Amino acid sequence: MSAIRQWRKVAIKGKDPEGVHQLRVSLRKMRSALTIFSPVINPTYRKYWRRELKAMSKQLDAARDLDVFMLTHFQSKNSDSDLHHALKKQQSRIYNQLSESLRGKFKQRHRQLKKALKQSRWPQQHCRQHSLSLSSLAQQQLNWLYQNVCQKAQGLDLNDEAALHQLRIAFKQLRYGCEFLAPVLDKTQSPVFMNMVKALQDQLGEIHDAAVQQEMLAVLPLAAHDELQEIVNQSQRNSQRLKKTLTKQLKRFNSITVPWQQLNLASESV
C-alpha cells in the first residue's frame, strides 16, 4: 500500500514516467497476490478487490503506452517534428485527465482498501483454510500458474496479437507468484528460472508494443502519420524478428527445472 501511495503522488505530477509505471506494477502485484493466495482468501472479497484494482490500473494504461513510445523514440526533448509535437500535446491531455482521476475516485478506492487491510480482524473476516502451509500453497498455485503458461504457449499462433498478450500476462503472473512464494523455492534454481521468465516477458512486451503503436495512427493528425508510419514499420520488423525466436525460447523454457520441484517430489513421496 505504501508503494501505491508513493507512486500515485509521482504520477499526479506527470513529470517522471516512473510514477505511472511503478503505480501500475504495484496495482498489478496486488491483483496477482489476490489470485495467488486465492485458496486462503474469501472468494467474494477477492473478486471485489481484483475488479476494483483492475479498474484503477486501467486508468493508467493510455499514459503508460504513450510514455513507452516517447522514451523509446524521443529520448531527446528537443525534437522539432510534427509527430513529437502531436504526442506531447496528447501526453499533456492524458496526464491532466489522469491527475484528476488519481486525486478523485482512485484516491477514494486506495483509502478504502488501506482501511480494510488495517482492520485487526481482517484474517478472521476474509480468510479461510488457516492451516494451509506455505509449501502446500506454493506447490498448488505455482503448478497452476505454470500450467496456465504452458497451455497458452501450446499451439501458439504468432500472428494472434491477443493470444501473445495473454501469454505475456500469464508469464507476469507466474513471475509474481515466484516472487511472493520465494521463501519455499529452491535458491539455486530460482535465478535461472526467473531470468528466463523475465526474458520471455520482455520479448512478448516488445511484440505487444509494436501492436499498440499501429493503433496510434487513428488518433494523431495527418501531418504526423508519415513519421509515425516509419516508426511503426520498424517496430513491426523488430516484432517479426522476435517472433521467429519465440518458439525456440518457449521450448527452452519448458526444459528448465521449476524451482518448486522439490515440493512436488516431497508431495509424491507422502
C-alpha atoms as a PDB file:
ATOM      1  CA  MET A   1       0.000   0.000   0.000  1.00  0.00           C
ATOM      2  CA  SER A   2       2.892   2.378   0.718  1.00  0.00           C
ATOM      3  CA  ALA A   3       4.194   1.857  -2.836  1.00  0.00           C
ATOM      4  CA  ILE A   4       0.800   2.799  -4.290  1.00  0.00           C
ATOM      5  CA  ARG A   5       0.696   5.957  -2.159  1.00  0.00           C
ATOM      6  CA  GLN A   6       4.280   6.894  -3.095  1.00  0.00           C
ATOM      7  CA  TRP A   7       3.978   6.381  -6.858  1.00  0.00           C
ATOM      8  CA  ARG A   8       0.498   7.906  -7.041  1.00  0.00           C
ATOM      9  CA  LYS A   9       1.989  11.212  -5.907  1.00  0.00           C
ATOM     10  CA  VAL A  10       4.695  10.986  -8.578  1.00  0.00           C
ATOM     11  CA  ALA A  11       2.150  10.102 -11.276  1.00  0.00           C
ATOM     12  CA  ILE A  12      -0.050  13.082 -10.364  1.00  0.00           C
ATOM     13  CA  LYS A  13       2.841  15.480 -11.059  1.00  0.00           C
ATOM     14  CA  GLY A  14       3.271  13.947 -14.522  1.00  0.00           C
ATOM     15  CA  LYS A  15       6.983  14.730 -14.794  1.00  0.00           C
ATOM     16  CA  ASP A  16       8.519  11.303 -14.198  1.00  0.00           C
ATOM     17  CA  PRO A  17       7.229   8.341 -16.271  1.00  0.00           C
ATOM     18  CA  GLU A  18       8.316   6.008 -13.475  1.00  0.00           C
ATOM     19  CA  GLY A  19       5.321   7.267 -11.499  1.00  0.00           C
ATOM     20  CA  VAL A  20       2.754   5.710 -13.813  1.00  0.00           C
ATOM     21  CA  HIS A  21       4.939   2.670 -14.488  1.00  0.00           C
ATOM     22  CA  GLN A  22       5.583   1.789 -10.848  1.00  0.00           C
ATOM     23  CA  LEU A  23       1.992   2.564  -9.853  1.00  0.00           C
ATOM     24  CA  ARG A  24       0.776   0.075 -12.476  1.00  0.00           C
ATOM     25  CA  VAL A  25       3.289  -2.512 -11.244  1.00  0.00           C
ATOM     26  CA  SER A  26       2.138  -2.042  -7.634  1.00  0.00           C
ATOM     27  CA  LEU A  27      -1.529  -2.462  -8.566  1.00  0.00           C
ATOM     28  CA  ARG A  28      -0.759  -5.477 -10.768  1.00  0.00           C
ATOM     29  CA  LYS A  29       1.169  -7.154  -7.974  1.00  0.00           C
ATOM     30  CA  MET A  30      -1.728  -6.657  -5.579  1.00  0.00           C
ATOM     31  CA  ARG A  31      -4.118  -8.217  -8.083  1.00  0.00           C
ATOM     32  CA  SER A  32      -1.713 -11.114  -8.583  1.00  0.00           C
ATOM     33  CA  ALA A  33      -1.427 -11.582  -4.818  1.00  0.00           C
ATOM     34  CA  LEU A  34      -5.197 -11.927  -4.582  1.00  0.00           C
ATOM     35  CA  THR A  35      -5.034 -14.641  -7.250  1.00  0.00           C
ATOM     36  CA  ILE A  36      -2.008 -16.466  -5.844  1.00  0.00           C
ATOM     37  CA  PHE A  37      -3.426 -16.528  -2.322  1.00  0.00           C
ATOM     38  CA  SER A  38      -6.979 -17.283  -3.520  1.00  0.00           C
ATOM     39  CA  PRO A  39      -7.144 -20.615  -1.604  1.00  0.00           C
ATOM     40  CA  VAL A  40      -6.963 -18.692   1.674  1.00  0.00           C
ATOM     41  CA  ILE A  41      -8.979 -15.560   0.811  1.00  0.00           C
ATOM     42  CA  ASN A  42     -12.758 -15.298   0.807  1.00  0.00           C
ATOM     43  CA  PRO A  43     -13.909 -15.511  -2.863  1.00  0.00           C
ATOM     44  CA  THR A  44     -16.367 -12.603  -2.676  1.00  0.00           C
ATOM     45  CA  TYR A  45     -13.787 -10.300  -1.092  1.00  0.00           C
ATOM     46  CA  ARG A  46     -11.088 -11.399  -3.549  1.00  0.00           C
ATOM     47  CA  LYS A  47     -13.239 -10.924  -6.656  1.00  0.00           C
ATOM     48  CA  TYR A  48     -14.415  -7.497  -5.496  1.00  0.00           C
ATOM     49  CA  TRP A  49     -10.906  -6.133  -4.977  1.00  0.00           C
ATOM     50  CA  ARG A  50      -9.480  -7.737  -8.098  1.00  0.00           C
ATOM     51  CA  ARG A  51     -12.195  -5.934 -10.073  1.00  0.00           C
ATOM     52  CA  GLU A  52     -11.525  -2.644  -8.287  1.00  0.00           C
ATOM     53  CA  LEU A  53      -7.746  -2.878  -8.705  1.00  0.00           C
ATOM     54  CA  LYS A  54      -8.156  -3.675 -12.401  1.00  0.00           C
ATOM     55  CA  ALA A  55     -10.331  -0.582 -12.850  1.00  0.00           C
ATOM     56  CA  MET A  56      -7.755   1.523 -11.001  1.00  0.00           C
ATOM     57  CA  SER A  57      -4.959   0.164 -13.183  1.00  0.00           C
ATOM     58  CA  LYS A  58      -6.859   0.679 -16.435  1.00  0.00           C
ATOM     59  CA  GLN A  59      -6.854   4.433 -15.836  1.00  0.00           C
ATOM     60  CA  LEU A  60      -3.064   4.356 -16.260  1.00  0.00           C
ATOM     61  CA  ASP A  61      -2.834   2.353 -19.491  1.00  0.00           C
ATOM     62  CA  ALA A  62      -3.009   5.178 -22.039  1.00  0.00           C
ATOM     63  CA  ALA A  63      -0.406   7.249 -20.194  1.00  0.00           C
ATOM     64  CA  ARG A  64       1.970   4.286 -19.926  1.00  0.00           C
ATOM     65  CA  ASP A  65       1.645   3.309 -23.604  1.00  0.00           C
ATOM     66  CA  LEU A  66       2.481   6.854 -24.633  1.00  0.00           C
ATOM     67  CA  ASP A  67       5.351   7.101 -22.130  1.00  0.00           C
ATOM     68  CA  VAL A  68       6.917   3.915 -23.513  1.00  0.00           C
ATOM     69  CA  PHE A  69       6.695   5.257 -27.065  1.00  0.00           C
ATOM     70  CA  MET A  70       8.235   8.616 -26.107  1.00  0.00           C
ATOM     71  CA  LEU A  71      11.035   7.021 -24.098  1.00  0.00           C
ATOM     72  CA  THR A  72      11.845   4.650 -26.953  1.00  0.00           C
ATOM     73  CA  HIS A  73      11.712   7.032 -29.903  1.00  0.00           C
ATOM     74  CA  PHE A  74      12.110  10.542 -28.484  1.00  0.00           C
ATOM     75  CA  GLN A  75      14.779  10.380 -25.806  1.00  0.00           C
ATOM     76  CA  SER A  76      15.833  13.887 -26.818  1.00  0.00           C
ATOM     77  CA  LYS A  77      13.377  16.520 -25.574  1.00  0.00           C
ATOM     78  CA  ASN A  78      14.465  18.932 -28.313  1.00  0.00           C
ATOM     79  CA  SER A  79      12.832  17.130 -31.229  1.00  0.00           C
ATOM     80  CA  ASP A  80      11.019  19.519 -33.557  1.00  0.00           C
ATOM     81  CA  SER A  81       8.977  17.045 -35.620  1.00  0.00           C
ATOM     82  CA  ASP A  82       5.204  17.146 -36.199  1.00  0.00           C
ATOM     83  CA  LEU A  83       4.918  13.746 -34.547  1.00  0.00           C
ATOM     84  CA  HIS A  84       6.753  14.862 -31.416  1.00  0.00           C
ATOM     85  CA  HIS A  85       4.572  17.966 -31.099  1.00  0.00           C
ATOM     86  CA  ALA A  86       1.390  15.918 -31.562  1.00  0.00           C
ATOM     87  CA  LEU A  87       2.473  13.336 -28.999  1.00  0.00           C
ATOM     88  CA  LYS A  88       3.480  15.967 -26.424  1.00  0.00           C
ATOM     89  CA  LYS A  89       0.068  17.589 -26.818  1.00  0.00           C
ATOM     90  CA  GLN A  90      -1.673  14.242 -26.413  1.00  0.00           C
ATOM     91  CA  GLN A  91       0.556  13.382 -23.453  1.00  0.00           C
ATOM     92  CA  SER A  92      -0.353  16.633 -21.693  1.00  0.00           C
ATOM     93  CA  ARG A  93      -4.068  15.980 -22.189  1.00  0.00           C
ATOM     94  CA  ILE A  94      -3.846  12.372 -20.975  1.00  0.00           C
ATOM     95  CA  TYR A  95      -1.839  13.316 -17.875  1.00  0.00           C
ATOM     96  CA  ASN A  96      -4.258  16.134 -16.989  1.00  0.00           C
ATOM     97  CA  GLN A  97      -7.140  13.663 -17.101  1.00  0.00           C
ATOM     98  CA  LEU A  98      -5.115  11.107 -15.153  1.00  0.00           C
ATOM     99  CA  SER A  99      -4.182  13.639 -12.483  1.00  0.00           C
ATOM    100  CA  GLU A 100      -7.871  14.398 -11.886  1.00  0.00           C
ATOM    101  CA  SER A 101      -8.678  10.721 -11.648  1.00  0.00           C
ATOM    102  CA  LEU A 102      -5.827   9.977  -9.251  1.00  0.00           C
ATOM    103  CA  ARG A 103      -6.994  12.780  -6.964  1.00  0.00           C
ATOM    104  CA  GLY A 104     -10.605  11.607  -7.099  1.00  0.00           C
ATOM    105  CA  LYS A 105     -12.072   8.116  -7.322  1.00  0.00           C
ATOM    106  CA  PHE A 106      -8.655   6.434  -7.404  1.00  0.00           C
ATOM    107  CA  LYS A 107      -7.712   8.057  -4.093  1.00  0.00           C
ATOM    108  CA  GLN A 108     -11.029   7.030  -2.537  1.00  0.00           C
ATOM    109  CA  ARG A 109     -10.556   3.390  -3.582  1.00  0.00           C
ATOM    110  CA  HIS A 110      -6.996   3.388  -2.262  1.00  0.00           C
ATOM    111  CA  ARG A 111      -8.132   4.729   1.115  1.00  0.00           C
ATOM    112  CA  GLN A 112     -10.937   2.179   1.244  1.00  0.00           C
ATOM    113  CA  LEU A 113      -8.529  -0.726   0.634  1.00  0.00           C
ATOM    114  CA  LYS A 114      -5.947   0.638   3.070  1.00  0.00           C
ATOM    115  CA  LYS A 115      -8.578   0.961   5.788  1.00  0.00           C
ATOM    116  CA  ALA A 116      -9.866  -2.565   5.132  1.00  0.00           C
ATOM    117  CA  LEU A 117      -6.400  -4.105   5.354  1.00  0.00           C
ATOM    118  CA  LYS A 118      -5.695  -2.334   8.650  1.00  0.00           C
ATOM    119  CA  GLN A 119      -8.644  -3.942  10.409  1.00  0.00           C
ATOM    120  CA  SER A 120      -7.422  -6.140  13.267  1.00  0.00           C
ATOM    121  CA  ARG A 121      -9.959  -8.840  12.450  1.00  0.00           C
ATOM    122  CA  TRP A 122      -9.180  -8.897   8.719  1.00  0.00           C
ATOM    123  CA  PRO A 123      -7.885 -12.531   8.778  1.00  0.00           C
ATOM    124  CA  GLN A 124     -10.980 -13.751  10.627  1.00  0.00           C
ATOM    125  CA  GLN A 125     -13.348 -11.856   8.319  1.00  0.00           C
ATOM    126  CA  HIS A 126     -11.777 -12.523   4.927  1.00  0.00           C
ATOM    127  CA  CYS A 127      -9.584 -15.609   5.186  1.00  0.00           C
ATOM    128  CA  ARG A 128     -10.179 -19.362   5.188  1.00  0.00           C
ATOM    129  CA  GLN A 129      -8.066 -22.551   5.396  1.00  0.00           C
ATOM    130  CA  HIS A 130      -5.879 -21.056   8.130  1.00  0.00           C
ATOM    131  CA  SER A 131      -3.995 -24.339   8.484  1.00  0.00           C
ATOM    132  CA  LEU A 132      -2.745 -24.443   4.852  1.00  0.00           C
ATOM    133  CA  SER A 133       1.058 -24.351   4.869  1.00  0.00           C
ATOM    134  CA  LEU A 134       3.073 -22.012   2.640  1.00  0.00           C
ATOM    135  CA  SER A 135       4.725 -25.012   0.958  1.00  0.00           C
ATOM    136  CA  SER A 136       1.375 -26.583   0.090  1.00  0.00           C
ATOM    137  CA  LEU A 137       0.064 -23.261  -1.179  1.00  0.00           C
ATOM    138  CA  ALA A 138       3.191 -22.715  -3.300  1.00  0.00           C
ATOM    139  CA  GLN A 139       3.046 -26.175  -4.833  1.00  0.00           C
ATOM    140  CA  GLN A 140      -0.634 -25.836  -5.694  1.00  0.00           C
ATOM    141  CA  GLN A 141      -0.590 -22.302  -7.066  1.00  0.00           C
ATOM    142  CA  LEU A 142       2.737 -22.361  -8.891  1.00  0.00           C
ATOM    143  CA  ASN A 143       1.861 -25.617 -10.648  1.00  0.00           C
ATOM    144  CA  TRP A 144      -1.413 -23.980 -11.714  1.00  0.00           C
ATOM    145  CA  LEU A 145       0.289 -20.791 -12.950  1.00  0.00           C
ATOM    146  CA  TYR A 146       2.942 -22.826 -14.763  1.00  0.00           C
ATOM    147  CA  GLN A 147       0.322 -24.968 -16.494  1.00  0.00           C
ATOM    148  CA  ASN A 148      -1.525 -21.791 -17.497  1.00  0.00           C
ATOM    149  CA  VAL A 149       1.626 -20.580 -19.274  1.00  0.00           C
ATOM    150  CA  CYS A 150       2.179 -23.957 -20.957  1.00  0.00           C
ATOM    151  CA  GLN A 151      -1.419 -24.144 -22.176  1.00  0.00           C
ATOM    152  CA  LYS A 152      -1.273 -20.648 -23.683  1.00  0.00           C
ATOM    153  CA  ALA A 153       2.098 -21.409 -25.321  1.00  0.00           C
ATOM    154  CA  GLN A 154       0.942 -24.704 -26.834  1.00  0.00           C
ATOM    155  CA  GLY A 155      -0.017 -24.301 -30.484  1.00  0.00           C
ATOM    156  CA  LEU A 156       0.518 -20.532 -30.215  1.00  0.00           C
ATOM    157  CA  ASP A 157      -0.395 -18.547 -33.337  1.00  0.00           C
ATOM    158  CA  LEU A 158       2.395 -15.995 -33.695  1.00  0.00           C
ATOM    159  CA  ASN A 159       0.091 -13.741 -35.723  1.00  0.00           C
ATOM    160  CA  ASP A 160      -2.536 -13.633 -32.970  1.00  0.00           C
ATOM    161  CA  GLU A 161      -1.587 -10.485 -31.042  1.00  0.00           C
ATOM    162  CA  ALA A 162      -4.301 -11.047 -28.417  1.00  0.00           C
ATOM    163  CA  ALA A 163      -3.013 -14.575 -27.691  1.00  0.00           C
ATOM    164  CA  LEU A 164       0.556 -13.287 -27.426  1.00  0.00           C
ATOM    165  CA  HIS A 165      -0.587 -10.617 -24.983  1.00  0.00           C
ATOM    166  CA  GLN A 166      -2.416 -13.197 -22.860  1.00  0.00           C
ATOM    167  CA  LEU A 167       0.749 -15.318 -22.770  1.00  0.00           C
ATOM    168  CA  ARG A 168       2.695 -12.273 -21.578  1.00  0.00           C
ATOM    169  CA  ILE A 169       0.176 -11.746 -18.769  1.00  0.00           C
ATOM    170  CA  ALA A 170       0.477 -15.428 -17.798  1.00  0.00           C
ATOM    171  CA  PHE A 171       4.257 -15.073 -17.546  1.00  0.00           C
ATOM    172  CA  LYS A 172       3.842 -11.975 -15.355  1.00  0.00           C
ATOM    173  CA  GLN A 173       1.523 -13.858 -13.003  1.00  0.00           C
ATOM    174  CA  LEU A 174       3.982 -16.758 -12.781  1.00  0.00           C
ATOM    175  CA  ARG A 175       6.831 -14.361 -12.076  1.00  0.00           C
ATOM    176  CA  TYR A 176       4.922 -12.593  -9.305  1.00  0.00           C
ATOM    177  CA  GLY A 177       3.905 -15.956  -7.865  1.00  0.00           C
ATOM    178  CA  CYS A 178       7.538 -16.999  -7.608  1.00  0.00           C
ATOM    179  CA  GLU A 179       8.438 -13.672  -6.006  1.00  0.00           C
ATOM    180  CA  PHE A 180       5.666 -13.905  -3.396  1.00  0.00           C
ATOM    181  CA  LEU A 181       6.466 -17.536  -2.572  1.00  0.00           C
ATOM    182  CA  ALA A 182      10.273 -17.258  -2.813  1.00  0.00           C
ATOM    183  CA  PRO A 183      10.926 -18.421   0.800  1.00  0.00           C
ATOM    184  CA  VAL A 184       9.986 -22.032  -0.056  1.00  0.00           C
ATOM    185  CA  LEU A 185      11.630 -22.204  -3.503  1.00  0.00           C
ATOM    186  CA  ASP A 186      14.977 -23.697  -4.477  1.00  0.00           C
ATOM    187  CA  LYS A 187      17.514 -20.876  -4.030  1.00  0.00           C
ATOM    188  CA  THR A 188      19.833 -22.340  -6.681  1.00  0.00           C
ATOM    189  CA  GLN A 189      17.270 -22.943  -9.392  1.00  0.00           C
ATOM    190  CA  SER A 190      15.164 -19.810  -8.857  1.00  0.00           C
ATOM    191  CA  PRO A 191      17.547 -17.281 -10.521  1.00  0.00           C
ATOM    192  CA  VAL A 192      17.828 -19.377 -13.701  1.00  0.00           C
ATOM    193  CA  PHE A 193      14.084 -19.852 -13.914  1.00  0.00           C
ATOM    194  CA  MET A 194      13.225 -16.235 -13.100  1.00  0.00           C
ATOM    195  CA  ASN A 195      15.723 -14.875 -15.644  1.00  0.00           C
ATOM    196  CA  MET A 196      14.100 -16.983 -18.362  1.00  0.00           C
ATOM    197  CA  VAL A 197      10.602 -15.877 -17.331  1.00  0.00           C
ATOM    198  CA  LYS A 198      11.629 -12.197 -17.357  1.00  0.00           C
ATOM    199  CA  ALA A 199      13.365 -12.536 -20.736  1.00  0.00           C
ATOM    200  CA  LEU A 200      10.244 -14.038 -22.302  1.00  0.00           C
ATOM    201  CA  GLN A 201       8.036 -11.442 -20.644  1.00  0.00           C
ATOM    202  CA  ASP A 202      10.225  -8.636 -22.067  1.00  0.00           C
ATOM    203  CA  GLN A 203      10.270 -10.249 -25.510  1.00  0.00           C
ATOM    204  CA  LEU A 204       6.490 -10.505 -25.554  1.00  0.00           C
ATOM    205  CA  GLY A 205       6.335  -6.922 -24.273  1.00  0.00           C
ATOM    206  CA  GLU A 206       8.246  -5.606 -27.294  1.00  0.00           C
ATOM    207  CA  ILE A 207       5.940  -7.538 -29.605  1.00  0.00           C
ATOM    208  CA  HIS A 208       2.913  -6.033 -27.834  1.00  0.00           C
ATOM    209  CA  ASP A 209       4.358  -2.508 -28.063  1.00  0.00           C
ATOM    210  CA  ALA A 210       4.576  -2.870 -31.845  1.00  0.00           C
ATOM    211  CA  ALA A 211       0.889  -3.795 -31.975  1.00  0.00           C
ATOM    212  CA  VAL A 212      -0.088  -0.823 -29.769  1.00  0.00           C
ATOM    213  CA  GLN A 213       1.844   1.621 -31.980  1.00  0.00           C
ATOM    214  CA  GLN A 214      -0.242   0.682 -35.010  1.00  0.00           C
ATOM    215  CA  GLU A 215      -3.367   1.853 -33.151  1.00  0.00           C
ATOM    216  CA  MET A 216      -1.845   5.289 -32.541  1.00  0.00           C
ATOM    217  CA  LEU A 217      -2.265   6.262 -36.212  1.00  0.00           C
ATOM    218  CA  ALA A 218      -6.021   6.662 -35.762  1.00  0.00           C
ATOM    219  CA  VAL A 219      -5.752   9.401 -33.119  1.00  0.00           C
ATOM    220  CA  LEU A 220      -2.920  11.562 -34.478  1.00  0.00           C
ATOM    221  CA  PRO A 221      -3.004  14.450 -37.016  1.00  0.00           C
ATOM    222  CA  LEU A 222      -2.343  13.534 -40.645  1.00  0.00           C
ATOM    223  CA  ALA A 223       0.844  15.634 -40.625  1.00  0.00           C
ATOM    224  CA  ALA A 224       2.372  13.193 -38.151  1.00  0.00           C
ATOM    225  CA  HIS A 225       1.322   9.999 -39.948  1.00  0.00           C
ATOM    226  CA  ASP A 226       4.314   9.561 -42.243  1.00  0.00           C
ATOM    227  CA  GLU A 227       6.841   9.795 -39.406  1.00  0.00           C
ATOM    228  CA  LEU A 228       4.797   7.512 -37.179  1.00  0.00           C
ATOM    229  CA  GLN A 229       4.290   5.012 -40.008  1.00  0.00           C
ATOM    230  CA  GLU A 230       8.063   4.799 -40.449  1.00  0.00           C
ATOM    231  CA  ILE A 231       8.477   4.022 -36.748  1.00  0.00           C
ATOM    232  CA  VAL A 232       5.610   1.520 -36.846  1.00  0.00           C
ATOM    233  CA  ASN A 233       7.175  -0.277 -39.822  1.00  0.00           C
ATOM    234  CA  GLN A 234      10.488  -0.520 -37.983  1.00  0.00           C
ATOM    235  CA  SER A 235       8.754  -1.840 -34.871  1.00  0.00           C
ATOM    236  CA  GLN A 236       6.862  -4.398 -36.942  1.00  0.00           C
ATOM    237  CA  ARG A 237      10.122  -5.652 -38.441  1.00  0.00           C
ATOM    238  CA  ASN A 238      11.568  -5.993 -34.941  1.00  0.00           C
ATOM    239  CA  SER A 239       8.391  -7.765 -33.826  1.00  0.00           C
ATOM    240  CA  GLN A 240       8.679 -10.283 -36.654  1.00  0.00           C
ATOM    241  CA  ARG A 241      12.319 -10.918 -35.741  1.00  0.00           C
ATOM    242  CA  LEU A 242      11.365 -11.561 -32.099  1.00  0.00           C
ATOM    243  CA  LYS A 243       8.512 -13.859 -33.145  1.00  0.00           C
ATOM    244  CA  LYS A 244      10.934 -16.028 -35.126  1.00  0.00           C
ATOM    245  CA  THR A 245      12.927 -16.783 -31.971  1.00  0.00           C
ATOM    246  CA  LEU A 246       9.943 -17.034 -29.626  1.00  0.00           C
ATOM    247  CA  THR A 247       9.066 -20.677 -30.354  1.00  0.00           C
ATOM    248  CA  LYS A 248      12.646 -21.741 -29.657  1.00  0.00           C
ATOM    249  CA  GLN A 249      12.720 -19.713 -26.433  1.00  0.00           C
ATOM    250  CA  LEU A 250       9.479 -21.297 -25.249  1.00  0.00           C
ATOM    251  CA  LYS A 251      10.930 -24.768 -25.829  1.00  0.00           C
ATOM    252  CA  ARG A 252      13.950 -23.803 -23.720  1.00  0.00           C
ATOM    253  CA  PHE A 253      11.614 -22.579 -21.006  1.00  0.00           C
ATOM    254  CA  ASN A 254       9.783 -25.921 -20.967  1.00  0.00           C
ATOM    255  CA  SER A 255      13.084 -27.761 -20.424  1.00  0.00           C
ATOM    256  CA  ILE A 256      14.089 -25.799 -17.311  1.00  0.00           C
ATOM    257  CA  THR A 257      13.511 -27.381 -13.902  1.00  0.00           C
ATOM    258  CA  VAL A 258      10.965 -25.370 -11.930  1.00  0.00           C
ATOM    259  CA  PRO A 259      12.232 -24.030  -8.577  1.00  0.00           C
ATOM    260  CA  TRP A 260       9.362 -25.688  -6.672  1.00  0.00           C
ATOM    261  CA  GLN A 261      10.218 -29.165  -7.997  1.00  0.00           C
ATOM    262  CA  GLN A 262      11.315 -30.293  -4.531  1.00  0.00           C
ATOM    263  CA  LEU A 263       7.804 -29.513  -3.250  1.00  0.00           C
ATOM    264  CA  ASN A 264       6.290 -31.739  -5.951  1.00  0.00           C
ATOM    265  CA  LEU A 265       8.710 -34.556  -5.112  1.00  0.00           C
ATOM    266  CA  ALA A 266       8.006 -34.239  -1.396  1.00  0.00           C
ATOM    267  CA  SER A 267       4.272 -34.406  -2.055  1.00  0.00           C
ATOM    268  CA  GLU A 268       4.661 -37.520  -4.239  1.00  0.00           C
ATOM    269  CA  SER A 269       6.680 -39.312  -1.552  1.00  0.00           C
ATOM    270  CA  VAL A 270       3.995 -38.840   1.106  1.00  0.00           C
END
